[in-house]
C-alpha atoms as a PDB file:
ATOM      1  CA  UNK A   1     -28.834 -30.895  21.972  1.00  0.00           C
ATOM      2  CA  UNK A   2     -29.758 -34.421  23.071  1.00  0.00           C
ATOM      3  CA  UNK A   3     -32.633 -34.670  25.537  1.00  0.00           C
ATOM      4  CA  UNK A   4     -31.412 -37.210  28.107  1.00  0.00           C
ATOM      5  CA  UNK A   5     -33.543 -37.464  31.188  1.00  0.00           C
ATOM      6  CA  UNK A   6     -34.397 -41.137  31.609  1.00  0.00           C
ATOM      7  CA  UNK A   7     -32.902 -42.841  34.626  1.00  0.00           C
ATOM      8  CA  UNK A   8     -31.737 -45.779  32.507  1.00  0.00           C
ATOM      9  CA  UNK A   9     -29.239 -43.512  30.755  1.00  0.00           C
ATOM     10  CA  UNK A  10     -27.294 -42.547  33.890  1.00  0.00           C
ATOM     11  CA  UNK A  11     -24.339 -44.584  35.107  1.00  0.00           C
ATOM     12  CA  UNK A  12     -23.916 -45.589  38.743  1.00  0.00           C
ATOM     13  CA  UNK A  13     -21.087 -43.117  39.299  1.00  0.00           C
ATOM     14  CA  UNK A  14     -23.374 -40.227  38.388  1.00  0.00           C
ATOM     15  CA  UNK A  15     -26.242 -41.574  40.507  1.00  0.00           C
ATOM     16  CA  UNK A  16     -23.917 -41.911  43.489  1.00  0.00           C
ATOM     17  CA  UNK A  17     -22.635 -38.360  43.013  1.00  0.00           C
ATOM     18  CA  UNK A  18     -26.170 -36.948  42.896  1.00  0.00           C
ATOM     19  CA  UNK A  19     -27.065 -38.809  46.079  1.00  0.00           C
ATOM     20  CA  UNK A  20     -23.908 -37.589  47.844  1.00  0.00           C
ATOM     21  CA  UNK A  21     -24.465 -33.997  46.767  1.00  0.00           C
ATOM     22  CA  UNK A  22     -28.118 -34.047  47.806  1.00  0.00           C
ATOM     23  CA  UNK A  23     -27.275 -35.491  51.204  1.00  0.00           C
ATOM     24  CA  UNK A  24     -24.531 -32.886  51.588  1.00  0.00           C
ATOM     25  CA  UNK A  25     -27.037 -30.118  50.870  1.00  0.00           C
ATOM     26  CA  UNK A  26     -29.227 -31.438  53.693  1.00  0.00           C
ATOM     27  CA  UNK A  27     -26.440 -31.982  56.245  1.00  0.00           C
ATOM     28  CA  UNK A  28     -24.326 -28.910  55.530  1.00  0.00           C
ATOM     29  CA  UNK A  29     -26.245 -25.845  54.461  1.00  0.00           C
ATOM     30  CA  UNK A  30     -26.103 -22.164  55.269  1.00  0.00           C
ATOM     31  CA  UNK A  31     -28.723 -19.545  55.960  1.00  0.00           C
ATOM     32  CA  UNK A  32     -27.743 -15.930  55.285  1.00  0.00           C
ATOM     33  CA  UNK A  33     -29.586 -14.711  58.385  1.00  0.00           C
ATOM     34  CA  UNK A  34     -28.428 -17.437  60.766  1.00  0.00           C
ATOM     35  CA  UNK A  35     -24.815 -17.906  59.727  1.00  0.00           C
ATOM     36  CA  UNK A  36     -23.789 -14.277  59.279  1.00  0.00           C
ATOM     37  CA  UNK A  37     -23.971 -12.013  62.367  1.00  0.00           C
ATOM     38  CA  UNK A  38     -24.888  -8.951  60.337  1.00  0.00           C
ATOM     39  CA  UNK A  39     -25.572  -6.741  63.347  1.00  0.00           C
ATOM     40  CA  UNK A  40     -22.502  -7.620  65.394  1.00  0.00           C
ATOM     41  CA  UNK A  41     -19.939  -4.805  65.842  1.00  0.00           C
ATOM     42  CA  UNK A  42     -17.290  -6.905  64.095  1.00  0.00           C
ATOM     43  CA  UNK A  43     -19.401  -7.076  60.925  1.00  0.00           C
ATOM     44  CA  UNK A  44     -20.252  -3.386  60.794  1.00  0.00           C
ATOM     45  CA  UNK A  45     -19.337  -1.862  57.436  1.00  0.00           C
ATOM     46  CA  UNK A  46     -16.672   0.836  57.678  1.00  0.00           C
ATOM     47  CA  UNK A  47     -16.768   2.898  54.458  1.00  0.00           C
ATOM     48  CA  UNK A  48     -13.166   4.019  55.072  1.00  0.00           C
ATOM     49  CA  UNK A  49     -11.764   0.539  55.719  1.00  0.00           C
ATOM     50  CA  UNK A  50      -8.445   0.218  53.835  1.00  0.00           C
ATOM     51  CA  UNK A  51      -9.309  -3.418  53.183  1.00  0.00           C
ATOM     52  CA  UNK A  52     -11.522  -2.194  50.321  1.00  0.00           C
ATOM     53  CA  UNK A  53      -8.366  -1.450  48.307  1.00  0.00           C
ATOM     54  CA  UNK A  54      -8.164  -3.701  45.233  1.00  0.00           C
ATOM     55  CA  UNK A  55      -5.225  -6.167  45.380  1.00  0.00           C
ATOM     56  CA  UNK A  56      -2.893  -5.841  42.390  1.00  0.00           C
ATOM     57  CA  UNK A  57      -2.171  -9.561  42.335  1.00  0.00           C
ATOM     58  CA  UNK A  58      -5.694 -10.628  41.364  1.00  0.00           C
ATOM     59  CA  UNK A  59      -7.698  -7.571  40.361  1.00  0.00           C
ATOM     60  CA  UNK A  60      -6.975  -6.245  36.856  1.00  0.00           C
ATOM     61  CA  UNK A  61      -7.867  -2.657  37.764  1.00  0.00           C
ATOM     62  CA  UNK A  62      -5.977  -2.875  41.041  1.00  0.00           C
ATOM     63  CA  UNK A  63      -2.878  -3.840  39.055  1.00  0.00           C
ATOM     64  CA  UNK A  64      -2.848  -0.680  36.928  1.00  0.00           C
ATOM     65  CA  UNK A  65      -0.319   2.014  37.733  1.00  0.00           C
ATOM     66  CA  UNK A  66      -3.113   4.583  37.490  1.00  0.00           C
ATOM     67  CA  UNK A  67      -4.988   2.964  40.378  1.00  0.00           C
ATOM     68  CA  UNK A  68      -1.904   2.394  42.502  1.00  0.00           C
ATOM     69  CA  UNK A  69      -0.922   6.060  42.180  1.00  0.00           C
ATOM     70  CA  UNK A  70      -4.271   7.309  43.519  1.00  0.00           C
ATOM     71  CA  UNK A  71      -4.595   8.614  47.097  1.00  0.00           C
ATOM     72  CA  UNK A  72      -5.640   5.944  49.587  1.00  0.00           C
ATOM     73  CA  UNK A  73      -9.100   7.474  50.069  1.00  0.00           C
ATOM     74  CA  UNK A  74      -9.808   7.274  46.342  1.00  0.00           C
ATOM     75  CA  UNK A  75      -8.524   3.687  46.081  1.00  0.00           C
ATOM     76  CA  UNK A  76     -10.834   2.735  48.955  1.00  0.00           C
ATOM     77  CA  UNK A  77     -13.819   4.426  47.295  1.00  0.00           C
ATOM     78  CA  UNK A  78     -13.200   2.724  43.944  1.00  0.00           C
ATOM     79  CA  UNK A  79     -12.477  -0.664  45.522  1.00  0.00           C
ATOM     80  CA  UNK A  80     -15.618  -0.539  47.639  1.00  0.00           C
ATOM     81  CA  UNK A  81     -17.756   0.233  44.566  1.00  0.00           C
ATOM     82  CA  UNK A  82     -16.122  -2.503  42.505  1.00  0.00           C
ATOM     83  CA  UNK A  83     -16.482  -5.144  45.230  1.00  0.00           C
ATOM     84  CA  UNK A  84     -20.100  -4.187  45.900  1.00  0.00           C
ATOM     85  CA  UNK A  85     -20.891  -4.314  42.194  1.00  0.00           C
ATOM     86  CA  UNK A  86     -19.248  -7.728  41.826  1.00  0.00           C
ATOM     87  CA  UNK A  87     -21.529  -9.006  44.592  1.00  0.00           C
ATOM     88  CA  UNK A  88     -24.582  -7.529  42.837  1.00  0.00           C
ATOM     89  CA  UNK A  89     -23.480  -9.175  39.579  1.00  0.00           C
ATOM     90  CA  UNK A  90     -23.137 -12.498  41.389  1.00  0.00           C
ATOM     91  CA  UNK A  91     -26.730 -12.239  42.603  1.00  0.00           C
ATOM     92  CA  UNK A  92     -27.954 -11.489  39.074  1.00  0.00           C
ATOM     93  CA  UNK A  93     -26.071 -14.455  37.638  1.00  0.00           C
ATOM     94  CA  UNK A  94     -27.586 -16.757  40.253  1.00  0.00           C
ATOM     95  CA  UNK A  95     -31.044 -15.633  39.113  1.00  0.00           C
ATOM     96  CA  UNK A  96     -30.237 -16.606  35.510  1.00  0.00           C
ATOM     97  CA  UNK A  97     -29.002 -19.999  36.679  1.00  0.00           C
ATOM     98  CA  UNK A  98     -32.233 -20.565  38.647  1.00  0.00           C
ATOM     99  CA  UNK A  99     -34.433 -19.686  35.666  1.00  0.00           C
ATOM    100  CA  UNK A 100     -32.581 -22.038  33.353  1.00  0.00           C
ATOM    101  CA  UNK A 101     -32.371 -24.899  35.814  1.00  0.00           C
ATOM    102  CA  UNK A 102     -36.084 -24.624  36.636  1.00  0.00           C
ATOM    103  CA  UNK A 103     -36.939 -24.847  32.931  1.00  0.00           C
ATOM    104  CA  UNK A 104     -34.747 -27.928  32.665  1.00  0.00           C
ATOM    105  CA  UNK A 105     -35.915 -29.857  35.702  1.00  0.00           C
ATOM    106  CA  UNK A 106     -39.632 -29.353  35.019  1.00  0.00           C
ATOM    107  CA  UNK A 107     -39.125 -31.435  31.860  1.00  0.00           C
ATOM    108  CA  UNK A 108     -37.677 -34.355  33.827  1.00  0.00           C
ATOM    109  CA  UNK A 109     -39.724 -37.535  34.255  1.00  0.00           C
ATOM    110  CA  UNK A 110     -40.762 -39.014  37.584  1.00  0.00           C
ATOM    111  CA  UNK A 111     -37.863 -40.832  39.184  1.00  0.00           C
ATOM    112  CA  UNK A 112     -35.135 -38.680  37.624  1.00  0.00           C
ATOM    113  CA  UNK A 113     -32.106 -38.684  39.962  1.00  0.00           C
ATOM    114  CA  UNK A 114     -31.266 -35.126  38.839  1.00  0.00           C
ATOM    115  CA  UNK A 115     -34.544 -33.604  40.026  1.00  0.00           C
ATOM    116  CA  UNK A 116     -33.854 -33.567  43.755  1.00  0.00           C
ATOM    117  CA  UNK A 117     -30.334 -32.181  43.542  1.00  0.00           C
ATOM    118  CA  UNK A 118     -31.310 -29.426  41.098  1.00  0.00           C
ATOM    119  CA  UNK A 119     -33.905 -28.202  43.601  1.00  0.00           C
ATOM    120  CA  UNK A 120     -31.373 -28.308  46.440  1.00  0.00           C
ATOM    121  CA  UNK A 121     -29.013 -26.227  44.341  1.00  0.00           C
ATOM    122  CA  UNK A 122     -31.661 -23.668  43.431  1.00  0.00           C
ATOM    123  CA  UNK A 123     -32.605 -23.271  47.104  1.00  0.00           C
ATOM    124  CA  UNK A 124     -28.952 -22.593  47.913  1.00  0.00           C
ATOM    125  CA  UNK A 125     -28.716 -20.093  45.074  1.00  0.00           C
ATOM    126  CA  UNK A 126     -31.784 -18.268  46.443  1.00  0.00           C
ATOM    127  CA  UNK A 127     -29.964 -17.995  49.767  1.00  0.00           C
ATOM    128  CA  UNK A 128     -26.919 -16.646  47.950  1.00  0.00           C
ATOM    129  CA  UNK A 129     -29.017 -13.946  46.300  1.00  0.00           C
ATOM    130  CA  UNK A 130     -30.397 -12.917  49.709  1.00  0.00           C
ATOM    131  CA  UNK A 131     -26.899 -12.946  51.177  1.00  0.00           C
ATOM    132  CA  UNK A 132     -25.404 -10.898  48.349  1.00  0.00           C
ATOM    133  CA  UNK A 133     -28.193  -8.314  48.347  1.00  0.00           C
ATOM    134  CA  UNK A 134     -27.994  -7.909  52.123  1.00  0.00           C
ATOM    135  CA  UNK A 135     -24.270  -7.263  51.800  1.00  0.00           C
ATOM    136  CA  UNK A 136     -24.786  -4.694  49.019  1.00  0.00           C
ATOM    137  CA  UNK A 137     -27.449  -2.939  51.104  1.00  0.00           C
ATOM    138  CA  UNK A 138     -25.126  -2.734  54.095  1.00  0.00           C
ATOM    139  CA  UNK A 139     -22.154  -1.501  52.061  1.00  0.00           C
ATOM    140  CA  UNK A 140     -24.489   1.327  51.079  1.00  0.00           C
ATOM    141  CA  UNK A 141     -23.266   1.910  47.516  1.00  0.00           C
ATOM    142  CA  UNK A 142     -25.996   2.087  44.866  1.00  0.00           C
ATOM    143  CA  UNK A 143     -24.371  -0.205  42.297  1.00  0.00           C
ATOM    144  CA  UNK A 144     -26.176  -1.412  39.133  1.00  0.00           C
ATOM    145  CA  UNK A 145     -24.682  -4.896  38.875  1.00  0.00           C
ATOM    146  CA  UNK A 146     -24.781  -6.357  35.364  1.00  0.00           C
ATOM    147  CA  UNK A 147     -24.099  -4.205  32.339  1.00  0.00           C
ATOM    148  CA  UNK A 148     -27.323  -2.737  30.954  1.00  0.00           C
ATOM    149  CA  UNK A 149     -28.088  -4.861  27.917  1.00  0.00           C
ATOM    150  CA  UNK A 150     -27.152  -8.126  29.650  1.00  0.00           C
ATOM    151  CA  UNK A 151     -29.374  -7.242  32.612  1.00  0.00           C
ATOM    152  CA  UNK A 152     -32.305  -6.635  30.269  1.00  0.00           C
ATOM    153  CA  UNK A 153     -31.766  -9.888  28.388  1.00  0.00           C
ATOM    154  CA  UNK A 154     -31.092 -12.040  31.458  1.00  0.00           C
ATOM    155  CA  UNK A 155     -34.679 -13.355  31.896  1.00  0.00           C
ATOM    156  CA  UNK A 156     -34.709 -14.580  28.296  1.00  0.00           C
ATOM    157  CA  UNK A 157     -31.204 -16.039  28.562  1.00  0.00           C
ATOM    158  CA  UNK A 158     -32.186 -18.098  31.594  1.00  0.00           C
ATOM    159  CA  UNK A 159     -35.361 -19.469  30.057  1.00  0.00           C
ATOM    160  CA  UNK A 160     -33.704 -20.230  26.701  1.00  0.00           C
ATOM    161  CA  UNK A 161     -30.940 -22.109  28.499  1.00  0.00           C
ATOM    162  CA  UNK A 162     -33.453 -24.564  29.904  1.00  0.00           C
ATOM    163  CA  UNK A 163     -34.165 -25.833  26.389  1.00  0.00           C
ATOM    164  CA  UNK A 164     -30.519 -26.424  25.445  1.00  0.00           C
ATOM    165  CA  UNK A 165     -29.419 -27.933  28.705  1.00  0.00           C
ATOM    166  CA  UNK A 166     -25.850 -28.831  27.735  1.00  0.00           C
ATOM    167  CA  UNK A 167     -25.176 -25.235  26.698  1.00  0.00           C
ATOM    168  CA  UNK A 168     -26.950 -24.076  29.877  1.00  0.00           C
ATOM    169  CA  UNK A 169     -24.514 -25.999  32.062  1.00  0.00           C
ATOM    170  CA  UNK A 170     -21.532 -24.819  30.046  1.00  0.00           C
ATOM    171  CA  UNK A 171     -22.806 -21.294  30.726  1.00  0.00           C
ATOM    172  CA  UNK A 172     -23.290 -22.065  34.411  1.00  0.00           C
ATOM    173  CA  UNK A 173     -19.642 -23.036  34.690  1.00  0.00           C
ATOM    174  CA  UNK A 174     -18.606 -20.015  32.614  1.00  0.00           C
ATOM    175  CA  UNK A 175     -20.240 -17.770  35.208  1.00  0.00           C
ATOM    176  CA  UNK A 176     -19.336 -19.679  38.351  1.00  0.00           C
ATOM    177  CA  UNK A 177     -15.649 -20.233  37.636  1.00  0.00           C
ATOM    178  CA  UNK A 178     -14.489 -16.570  37.476  1.00  0.00           C
ATOM    179  CA  UNK A 179     -16.364 -15.685  40.673  1.00  0.00           C
ATOM    180  CA  UNK A 180     -15.110 -18.803  42.456  1.00  0.00           C
ATOM    181  CA  UNK A 181     -11.483 -18.213  41.429  1.00  0.00           C
ATOM    182  CA  UNK A 182     -11.567 -14.516  42.347  1.00  0.00           C
ATOM    183  CA  UNK A 183     -12.965 -15.244  45.808  1.00  0.00           C
ATOM    184  CA  UNK A 184     -10.527 -18.099  46.461  1.00  0.00           C
ATOM    185  CA  UNK A 185      -7.619 -15.918  45.384  1.00  0.00           C
ATOM    186  CA  UNK A 186      -8.701 -13.182  47.800  1.00  0.00           C
ATOM    187  CA  UNK A 187      -8.708 -15.713  50.622  1.00  0.00           C
ATOM    188  CA  UNK A 188      -5.322 -17.118  49.537  1.00  0.00           C
ATOM    189  CA  UNK A 189      -3.940 -13.588  49.843  1.00  0.00           C
ATOM    190  CA  UNK A 190      -4.983 -13.623  53.487  1.00  0.00           C
ATOM    191  CA  UNK A 191      -8.648 -12.707  53.200  1.00  0.00           C
ATOM    192  CA  UNK A 192      -7.778  -9.055  53.748  1.00  0.00           C
ATOM    193  CA  UNK A 193     -11.325  -7.808  53.142  1.00  0.00           C
ATOM    194  CA  UNK A 194     -14.000  -6.538  55.553  1.00  0.00           C
ATOM    195  CA  UNK A 195     -15.400  -9.386  57.737  1.00  0.00           C
ATOM    196  CA  UNK A 196     -18.917  -9.317  56.257  1.00  0.00           C
ATOM    197  CA  UNK A 197     -17.433  -9.631  52.770  1.00  0.00           C
ATOM    198  CA  UNK A 198     -15.141 -12.451  53.872  1.00  0.00           C
ATOM    199  CA  UNK A 199     -17.944 -14.453  55.496  1.00  0.00           C
ATOM    200  CA  UNK A 200     -20.164 -14.244  52.414  1.00  0.00           C
ATOM    201  CA  UNK A 201     -17.256 -15.463  50.274  1.00  0.00           C
ATOM    202  CA  UNK A 202     -16.568 -18.384  52.608  1.00  0.00           C
ATOM    203  CA  UNK A 203     -20.201 -19.504  52.460  1.00  0.00           C
ATOM    204  CA  UNK A 204     -20.392 -19.046  48.715  1.00  0.00           C
ATOM    205  CA  UNK A 205     -17.182 -21.012  48.057  1.00  0.00           C
ATOM    206  CA  UNK A 206     -18.322 -23.883  50.302  1.00  0.00           C
ATOM    207  CA  UNK A 207     -21.643 -24.347  48.509  1.00  0.00           C
ATOM    208  CA  UNK A 208     -20.333 -23.593  45.020  1.00  0.00           C
ATOM    209  CA  UNK A 209     -18.009 -26.587  45.388  1.00  0.00           C
ATOM    210  CA  UNK A 210     -21.113 -28.804  45.199  1.00  0.00           C
ATOM    211  CA  UNK A 211     -22.611 -26.818  42.335  1.00  0.00           C
ATOM    212  CA  UNK A 212     -19.453 -26.933  40.241  1.00  0.00           C
ATOM    213  CA  UNK A 213     -18.993 -30.649  40.921  1.00  0.00           C
ATOM    214  CA  UNK A 214     -22.540 -31.297  39.701  1.00  0.00           C
ATOM    215  CA  UNK A 215     -22.119 -29.193  36.556  1.00  0.00           C
ATOM    216  CA  UNK A 216     -18.888 -31.008  35.682  1.00  0.00           C
ATOM    217  CA  UNK A 217     -20.475 -34.439  35.988  1.00  0.00           C
ATOM    218  CA  UNK A 218     -23.685 -33.303  34.306  1.00  0.00           C
ATOM    219  CA  UNK A 219     -21.625 -32.428  31.248  1.00  0.00           C
ATOM    220  CA  UNK A 220     -19.648 -35.676  31.455  1.00  0.00           C
ATOM    221  CA  UNK A 221     -22.855 -37.702  31.267  1.00  0.00           C
ATOM    222  CA  UNK A 222     -24.804 -35.604  28.779  1.00  0.00           C
ATOM    223  CA  UNK A 223     -22.041 -34.686  26.337  1.00  0.00           C
ATOM    224  CA  UNK A 224     -21.185 -38.369  25.949  1.00  0.00           C
ATOM    225  CA  UNK A 225     -24.663 -38.939  24.463  1.00  0.00           C
ATOM    226  CA  UNK A 226     -24.493 -36.158  21.879  1.00  0.00           C
ATOM    227  CA  UNK A 227     -24.020 -36.918  18.201  1.00  0.00           C
ATOM    228  CA  UNK A 228     -20.967 -35.727  16.280  1.00  0.00           C
ATOM    229  CA  UNK A 229     -22.520 -32.467  15.061  1.00  0.00           C
ATOM    230  CA  UNK A 230     -23.790 -31.589  18.540  1.00  0.00           C
ATOM    231  CA  UNK A 231     -20.358 -32.239  20.053  1.00  0.00           C
ATOM    232  CA  UNK A 232     -18.741 -30.044  17.405  1.00  0.00           C
ATOM    233  CA  UNK A 233     -21.180 -27.260  18.270  1.00  0.00           C
ATOM    234  CA  UNK A 234     -20.435 -27.664  21.986  1.00  0.00           C
ATOM    235  CA  UNK A 235     -16.691 -27.545  21.334  1.00  0.00           C
ATOM    236  CA  UNK A 236     -17.176 -24.073  19.833  1.00  0.00           C
ATOM    237  CA  UNK A 237     -19.775 -22.968  22.383  1.00  0.00           C
ATOM    238  CA  UNK A 238     -17.470 -23.849  25.285  1.00  0.00           C
ATOM    239  CA  UNK A 239     -14.787 -21.140  24.824  1.00  0.00           C
ATOM    240  CA  UNK A 240     -17.314 -18.622  23.518  1.00  0.00           C
ATOM    241  CA  UNK A 241     -19.405 -18.999  26.683  1.00  0.00           C
ATOM    242  CA  UNK A 242     -16.336 -18.817  28.922  1.00  0.00           C
ATOM    243  CA  UNK A 243     -15.055 -15.585  27.387  1.00  0.00           C
ATOM    244  CA  UNK A 244     -18.462 -13.929  27.035  1.00  0.00           C
ATOM    245  CA  UNK A 245     -19.635 -14.566  30.583  1.00  0.00           C
ATOM    246  CA  UNK A 246     -16.250 -13.792  32.128  1.00  0.00           C
ATOM    247  CA  UNK A 247     -16.488 -10.428  30.421  1.00  0.00           C
ATOM    248  CA  UNK A 248     -20.032  -9.800  31.599  1.00  0.00           C
ATOM    249  CA  UNK A 249     -19.341 -10.849  35.177  1.00  0.00           C
ATOM    250  CA  UNK A 250     -15.840  -9.513  35.800  1.00  0.00           C
ATOM    251  CA  UNK A 251     -15.935  -6.301  33.747  1.00  0.00           C
ATOM    252  CA  UNK A 252     -17.697  -3.377  35.466  1.00  0.00           C
ATOM    253  CA  UNK A 253     -20.176  -1.249  33.504  1.00  0.00           C
ATOM    254  CA  UNK A 254     -19.023   1.902  31.730  1.00  0.00           C
ATOM    255  CA  UNK A 255     -20.868   3.958  34.332  1.00  0.00           C
ATOM    256  CA  UNK A 256     -18.130   2.852  36.747  1.00  0.00           C
ATOM    257  CA  UNK A 257     -15.433   4.422  34.558  1.00  0.00           C
ATOM    258  CA  UNK A 258     -17.481   7.599  34.196  1.00  0.00           C
ATOM    259  CA  UNK A 259     -18.187   7.853  37.928  1.00  0.00           C
ATOM    260  CA  UNK A 260     -14.519   7.607  38.892  1.00  0.00           C
ATOM    261  CA  UNK A 261     -12.983   9.349  35.842  1.00  0.00           C
ATOM    262  CA  UNK A 262     -11.063   6.263  34.792  1.00  0.00           C
ATOM    263  CA  UNK A 263      -9.231   7.075  31.530  1.00  0.00           C
ATOM    264  CA  UNK A 264     -10.237   4.975  28.534  1.00  0.00           C
ATOM    265  CA  UNK A 265      -6.732   3.594  28.102  1.00  0.00           C
ATOM    266  CA  UNK A 266      -6.651   2.475  31.753  1.00  0.00           C
ATOM    267  CA  UNK A 267     -10.064   0.815  31.486  1.00  0.00           C
ATOM    268  CA  UNK A 268      -8.996  -1.015  28.317  1.00  0.00           C
ATOM    269  CA  UNK A 269      -5.700  -2.054  29.888  1.00  0.00           C
ATOM    270  CA  UNK A 270      -7.506  -3.499  32.881  1.00  0.00           C
ATOM    271  CA  UNK A 271     -10.353  -5.181  30.923  1.00  0.00           C
ATOM    272  CA  UNK A 272      -8.623  -7.110  29.128  1.00  0.00           C
ATOM    273  CA  UNK A 273      -5.857  -5.682  26.966  1.00  0.00           C
ATOM    274  CA  UNK A 274      -2.707  -5.861  29.103  1.00  0.00           C
ATOM    275  CA  UNK A 275      -0.563  -8.952  29.486  1.00  0.00           C
ATOM    276  CA  UNK A 276      -1.246  -9.109  33.227  1.00  0.00           C
ATOM    277  CA  UNK A 277      -5.011  -8.742  32.910  1.00  0.00           C
ATOM    278  CA  UNK A 278      -5.116 -11.419  30.215  1.00  0.00           C
ATOM    279  CA  UNK A 279      -3.134 -13.738  32.477  1.00  0.00           C
ATOM    280  CA  UNK A 280      -5.780 -13.169  35.164  1.00  0.00           C
ATOM    281  CA  UNK A 281      -8.554 -13.849  32.631  1.00  0.00           C
ATOM    282  CA  UNK A 282      -6.898 -17.040  31.394  1.00  0.00           C
ATOM    283  CA  UNK A 283      -6.357 -18.144  34.978  1.00  0.00           C
ATOM    284  CA  UNK A 284     -10.084 -18.360  35.611  1.00  0.00           C
ATOM    285  CA  UNK A 285     -10.400 -21.300  33.234  1.00  0.00           C
ATOM    286  CA  UNK A 286      -7.634 -23.819  33.933  1.00  0.00           C
ATOM    287  CA  UNK A 287     -10.223 -26.254  35.302  1.00  0.00           C
ATOM    288  CA  UNK A 288     -12.450 -25.657  32.285  1.00  0.00           C
ATOM    289  CA  UNK A 289      -9.651 -26.331  29.810  1.00  0.00           C
ATOM    290  CA  UNK A 290      -9.082 -29.623  31.553  1.00  0.00           C
ATOM    291  CA  UNK A 291     -12.808 -30.414  31.496  1.00  0.00           C
ATOM    292  CA  UNK A 292     -13.090 -29.557  27.790  1.00  0.00           C
ATOM    293  CA  UNK A 293     -10.193 -31.917  27.061  1.00  0.00           C
ATOM    294  CA  UNK A 294     -11.708 -34.694  29.173  1.00  0.00           C
ATOM    295  CA  UNK A 295     -15.026 -34.296  27.334  1.00  0.00           C
ATOM    296  CA  UNK A 296     -13.380 -34.469  23.918  1.00  0.00           C
ATOM    297  CA  UNK A 297     -14.299 -30.850  23.201  1.00  0.00           C
ATOM    298  CA  UNK A 298     -10.771 -29.469  22.816  1.00  0.00           C
ATOM    299  CA  UNK A 299     -10.756 -29.992  19.056  1.00  0.00           C
ATOM    300  CA  UNK A 300      -8.148 -28.276  16.832  1.00  0.00           C
ATOM    301  CA  UNK A 301     -10.690 -25.603  15.841  1.00  0.00           C
ATOM    302  CA  UNK A 302     -11.799 -25.107  19.440  1.00  0.00           C
ATOM    303  CA  UNK A 303      -8.178 -24.871  20.593  1.00  0.00           C
ATOM    304  CA  UNK A 304      -7.568 -22.035  18.123  1.00  0.00           C
ATOM    305  CA  UNK A 305     -10.676 -20.288  19.426  1.00  0.00           C
ATOM    306  CA  UNK A 306      -9.543 -20.574  23.059  1.00  0.00           C
ATOM    307  CA  UNK A 307      -6.263 -18.942  21.980  1.00  0.00           C
ATOM    308  CA  UNK A 308      -7.934 -16.205  19.899  1.00  0.00           C
ATOM    309  CA  UNK A 309     -10.093 -15.295  22.908  1.00  0.00           C
ATOM    310  CA  UNK A 310      -7.017 -15.102  25.188  1.00  0.00           C
ATOM    311  CA  UNK A 311      -8.312 -17.798  27.527  1.00  0.00           C
ATOM    312  CA  UNK A 312      -5.937 -20.588  26.480  1.00  0.00           C
ATOM    313  CA  UNK A 313      -3.159 -21.983  28.637  1.00  0.00           C
ATOM    314  CA  UNK A 314      -2.248 -25.073  30.576  1.00  0.00           C
ATOM    315  CA  UNK A 315      -5.103 -27.152  31.979  1.00  0.00           C
ATOM    316  CA  UNK A 316      -5.259 -27.454  35.755  1.00  0.00           C
ATOM    317  CA  UNK A 317      -3.426 -30.391  37.287  1.00  0.00           C
ATOM    318  CA  UNK A 318      -6.125 -30.585  39.943  1.00  0.00           C
ATOM    319  CA  UNK A 319      -9.401 -28.855  40.760  1.00  0.00           C
ATOM    320  CA  UNK A 320      -8.932 -25.306  42.031  1.00  0.00           C
ATOM    321  CA  UNK A 321      -5.208 -25.076  41.281  1.00  0.00           C
ATOM    322  CA  UNK A 322      -4.065 -21.413  41.528  1.00  0.00           C
ATOM    323  CA  UNK A 323      -3.032 -19.814  38.256  1.00  0.00           C
ATOM    324  CA  UNK A 324       0.616 -19.269  39.033  1.00  0.00           C
ATOM    325  CA  UNK A 325       1.479 -17.115  36.014  1.00  0.00           C
ATOM    326  CA  UNK A 326      -1.150 -14.491  36.878  1.00  0.00           C
ATOM    327  CA  UNK A 327       0.141 -14.232  40.438  1.00  0.00           C
ATOM    328  CA  UNK A 328       3.786 -14.057  39.487  1.00  0.00           C
ATOM    329  CA  UNK A 329       4.421 -17.501  40.994  1.00  0.00           C
ATOM    330  CA  UNK A 330       5.594 -19.403  37.925  1.00  0.00           C
END
């Protein structure tokens, strides 16, 4: 992909955004050990808290009849494991992002307006990893996080991404969007999760807004400079990355099914064979369908691929619009 790093190639709109985001990272930032009262009674983790139950509206396993028919104690146990594992996965994804972004920014010349913001973002992602791991430790469930082969390949994926920076940032959005949408949807449902979990989500959402804004504009600037063949490749890479990383991040490992005796047909229904679960999956990417269209990457071939991967649908009318079909709101 094109190697655009010179300051003369960036328009004023992009420069202004980078300055605003960098200043925002200085003025409004969070520390996982200052902004979360881990040891307060309110934030104590109750392993039997019914708020661990997976909500049917937004969680594909929580929506299955099999899960809803389980005794409350079992639903709590499964929900607690799934939520803790999703947090562990989020920490692992942040580490991949950091590796790739570090590879990218160390190639930038002196004076690059991207350099400062990339470092701000990586510092925030390091805080997120600390925050997520602290939460997992306190929940007290020994979850593995990423599925085995992806966990083993993650160091190579991060480094390789730094050398194809447009694909790297497509992948960043492919990982950030499902997590961001899931957390926002939980809060829209009333934030009915344990307080420590809720506070980590609030912090993560607040800072991810900057990260997602940067990735969107990064692609706007860099994709515009690609040649026709590179754009065609990106048009195909876009839906492939979205579907692949959504699967890696939002699908629990098979050890989860084995641990809780989840029948194969239930696991397949939840991830991602049923109509409801596919609506949830598609709902993660309304903003990305809009971005792909704005970037000229929603070609006829790419559109067919989005559909074949079950992540097609209407583009968002505005950033962060809830996916109404998945929530039964259409």
